[in-house]
Protein backbone atom coordinates (compact mmCIF):
# COMPACT_ATOMS: atom_id res chain seq x y z
CA UNK A 1 -0.44 2.91 -13.71
CA UNK A 2 -0.21 5.57 -11.01
CA UNK A 3 -2.92 3.87 -9.00
CA UNK A 4 -0.97 0.61 -8.99
CA UNK A 5 2.20 2.40 -7.87
CA UNK A 6 0.30 4.22 -5.13
CA UNK A 7 -1.25 0.93 -4.00
CA UNK A 8 2.17 -0.77 -3.89
CA UNK A 9 3.58 2.19 -1.95
CA UNK A 10 0.74 2.07 0.59
CA UNK A 11 1.19 -1.66 1.06
CA UNK A 12 4.94 -1.18 1.59
CA UNK A 13 4.27 1.56 4.14
CA UNK A 14 1.77 -0.71 5.90
CA UNK A 15 4.32 -3.52 6.13
CA UNK A 16 6.99 -1.13 7.44
CA UNK A 17 4.55 0.29 10.00
CA UNK A 18 3.53 -3.21 11.12
CA UNK A 19 7.19 -4.20 11.52
CA UNK A 20 8.02 -0.96 13.38
CA UNK A 21 5.19 -1.45 15.87
CA UNK A 22 6.02 -5.08 16.49
CA UNK A 23 2.86 -6.41 14.82
CA UNK A 24 4.91 -8.24 12.18
CA UNK A 25 8.26 -9.95 12.69
CA UNK A 26 10.29 -12.01 10.20
CA UNK A 27 12.86 -14.58 11.35
CA UNK A 28 15.18 -16.32 8.90
CA UNK A 29 15.08 -20.05 9.60
CA UNK A 30 17.41 -21.27 6.90
CA UNK A 31 20.20 -19.57 4.98
CA UNK A 32 20.46 -19.31 1.21
CA UNK A 33 23.04 -20.88 -1.04
CA UNK A 34 23.88 -20.23 -4.65
CA UNK A 35 23.41 -22.98 -7.19
CA UNK A 36 26.48 -24.88 -8.34
CA UNK A 37 27.15 -23.77 -11.90
CA UNK A 38 28.77 -26.14 -14.34
CA UNK A 39 27.76 -27.49 -17.71
CA UNK A 40 24.68 -28.74 -15.93
CA UNK A 41 23.26 -26.55 -13.13
CA UNK A 42 22.16 -28.14 -9.89
CA UNK A 43 19.44 -26.60 -7.75
CA UNK A 44 20.25 -24.03 -5.13
CA UNK A 45 18.46 -23.29 -1.90
CA UNK A 46 16.24 -20.33 -1.14
CA UNK A 47 16.10 -18.96 2.40
CA UNK A 48 13.25 -20.09 4.61
CA UNK A 49 11.46 -17.56 6.83
CA UNK A 50 8.80 -17.74 9.48
CA UNK A 51 6.53 -14.78 10.19
CA UNK A 52 5.07 -14.01 13.60
CA UNK A 53 2.18 -11.58 13.73
CA UNK A 54 0.49 -9.78 16.58
CA UNK A 55 -3.26 -9.77 17.11
CA UNK A 56 -5.88 -7.08 17.49
CA UNK A 57 -9.16 -7.69 19.31
CA UNK A 58 -12.24 -5.87 18.05
CA UNK A 59 -15.53 -5.85 19.93
CA UNK A 60 -18.51 -3.78 21.03
CA UNK A 61 -19.48 -2.29 24.38
CA UNK A 62 -22.77 -0.54 25.10
CA UNK A 63 -22.22 2.74 26.99
CA UNK A 64 -24.33 5.82 27.61
CA UNK A 65 -22.59 9.00 26.47
CA UNK A 66 -23.60 12.60 25.86
CA UNK A 67 -24.09 13.31 22.19
CA UNK A 68 -24.28 16.86 20.81
CA UNK A 69 -27.28 17.76 18.67
CA UNK A 70 -26.88 19.46 15.32
CA UNK A 71 -29.23 22.13 14.04
CA UNK A 72 -29.56 22.38 10.27
CA UNK A 73 -30.23 25.73 8.60
CA UNK A 74 -29.87 26.98 5.03
CA UNK A 75 -27.16 29.52 4.30
CA UNK A 76 -25.55 30.80 1.11
CA UNK A 77 -21.81 30.27 0.97
CA UNK A 78 -19.20 30.73 -1.77
CA UNK A 79 -17.59 27.46 -2.77
CA UNK A 80 -14.37 27.11 -4.77
CA UNK A 81 -14.54 25.55 -8.23
CA UNK A 82 -11.87 23.84 -10.27
CA UNK A 83 -11.84 23.75 -14.07
CA UNK A 84 -9.55 21.19 -15.66
CA UNK A 85 -8.49 21.26 -19.29
CA UNK A 86 -6.45 18.44 -20.71
CA UNK A 87 -3.34 19.24 -22.68
CA UNK A 88 -3.79 19.01 -26.42
CA UNK A 89 -2.91 15.65 -27.88
CA UNK A 90 0.46 15.44 -29.59
CA UNK A 91 0.20 15.51 -33.36
CA UNK A 92 1.74 12.50 -35.10
CA UNK A 93 5.06 13.13 -36.77
CA UNK A 94 5.23 12.43 -40.52
CA UNK A 95 7.17 9.36 -41.54
CA UNK A 96 10.73 9.99 -42.70
CA UNK A 97 11.32 9.45 -46.38
């Protein structure tokens, strides 16, 4: 459940960021109207939107650059550890008589 909420939150942040940077723009093309309510309801009208998006070009270019070299050696280091213990499960309550 948390993963779904986190995913929805990240998507919402992505949409807000895209709108803030001008990569995504919504324009309302048609207004909304409420349905006429009587004994028999007639259909209403939902708003119509158009979305304009920016574009990003991705490509490759071959260039010669200086790259640092890495020397590997063995060393003993102290690493942190984490021990997790789950909370005890709740005991079922007896049925009321």
